[in-house]
Amino acid sequence: MGSLHYPLVFISAVEPSADLHAAALIRAVGRLRPEVRFVGAAGPRMVEAGCERIFDMTGQAAMLLGAARAACRGAAMLSTCDRYLRMYPFEAAVVVDSPTLHLPLALRARSAGVPVLYYIAPQLWAWGAHRIHRLRDRADRVAVILPFEEPYLRGGGVDARFVGHPLAETVDGAPLDGGAVAELRRAGRPFVALLPGSRQHVVREVLPGQLAVARAIGAKLPGAAFGISVASPSTESIILDHLRCGPASIRAYPNRHRELIEAADLVLVASGTTTLEVAFRRRPMIVMYNASPLFYHLVARWMIRSPRLSLPNILAGREIVPEFMPYYATTEPIARRAIELLQSPDARAAMVEQLDAVVAPLRGARASDNTAAMLLEMIASRRH
C-alpha cells in the first residue's frame, strides 16, 4: 500500500447502487483533500474514482445466488475486511447501505479501533426499530438521506445528520439521449413505462402484474404503447420470456431506463428507491409490489411500522401516488386507476406538483459533499 503519511480510509459498498454513491463520495473527498486514500470492498465505479479494491461483492449482488453461496461470499468479505482493518492504520471506515453485511462489518471496525461513518442508514423506522441500539453501538456518525431520519435516529441516541439524497445528484448529473426519448414518445400515446426492478426475484413478482395492467390499458386506449426497462442483464431473459406471447405495443428496452421514465405519461414502478427517481424526473406513477401474502401475514406485518410503504407517500405523510402493496389479489383496481390517470392530464399534473414538493428538500443538499465533510471532520477529530 506504499507510504502511509496520508490519511487512510476504509470503505465498503456491496450493491451496484451503493457503488455509485460511494464513488461520488470518494470524488467529493478528493476535491477537498486529494491526499486521502481509500481502500476496501469496492465496485467498479469506486475503483474508477480511485479506491484500492480488496474485495468486490457488487458483481454478485444483482445475481440470484443460492443462500449458501451468498452467505459464503459475505463471510469471506467480512474476513478479508477484518484482516485489513487490523493490519493498517485506518483513520475511519465508511460503510454504505446494506445493513445485513455492514452492521457486522461496522462492529469489526469498531473492535479494531477504527471509527465508523455509516452512509445511507438502515431503514429502522420502517422495519427494525428494535435494532436501533445496534446502529448506535457500531457507528460513530450516521449520514442519513431522508429528512425525518435525523430526528428519529437522534431520539434513539444515534449521532445522525441529514446530508441530502444521493439520487438527486445522480439524476441531475445523468445525461439523457434526447433522440431516444423522442423515439419512445413516437411509439404511441399515451406512453407507459414499466419498471419491474433490477433483481430477478423482484421482476418475477412485479412484472406479471405490470403486464396485466398494460394489457388492460391497451384494451381501453388502443393507441397506447409500453416500454419495459431491462435494468440489469440478469433480468433480460425473464422479461423476454414474459413478452413472447405479448402484444407488439409492449417492448423491452435494455439500457434505456432514464429515457423510458422521461418519455412516459405514466410509470408503473416496483417499490423502492426507483420511485424517488421517477419523482425527481417529475413523472406520475403507480407503485406496485406483489409479495407472498403468507409471508406478509406470518412475518413482514409484524416488522413493518410505516403505515405507507412507498417512499413518496412516506415522505409526504399521506398518499400522493397510488400504491398497491405489499400484495394484491387482482390487478383490476390498478388498471382502473392507471386509466383514470391517463385520461386526466389535470390529475397527472397535480400528482407531479405534489411530488415536486416532496423531493424539493432532497434536492437542496449535495449528499456526497456533505458526507465528505462529515468524514473529514471525523479524521480531523481523531488527529487532534
Foldseek 3Di string as FASTA:
>chain_A
DPDDPFAEEEEADQAPVQLVLVLLLLLLLCVVPVRYAYEYAHDPSNVVSHHHYPHYNHVVPQADDDPVVVVVNLVVRLVSLLVVLLPDPHQAYEYEDDCVRVLVSLQSNVVSVHAYEYEADDPCVFFNVVCLVSVQVRHQEYEHAAVVVCVVSVVVVHRYDHFFHQVLVVLVPDDADVVLLVVQLVLFPQEEEEEQDSHQVSNVFWVVLVLVLVVLLCVVVVRYAYEYENAYPNNVVVVVVVCPPPDPSYYYDYPNVSSSLLNHQEYEHEADPVVLVSLSSLHAYEYEAADDPVCCVVPVVVRTDDPDGHVLCSLVVHDLHHYDDPRDPHSVVVSVVVNVSSVDPVSGNVSSVSSCVSNVVNNPGNNSNRVSVVVVVSSVVSVD
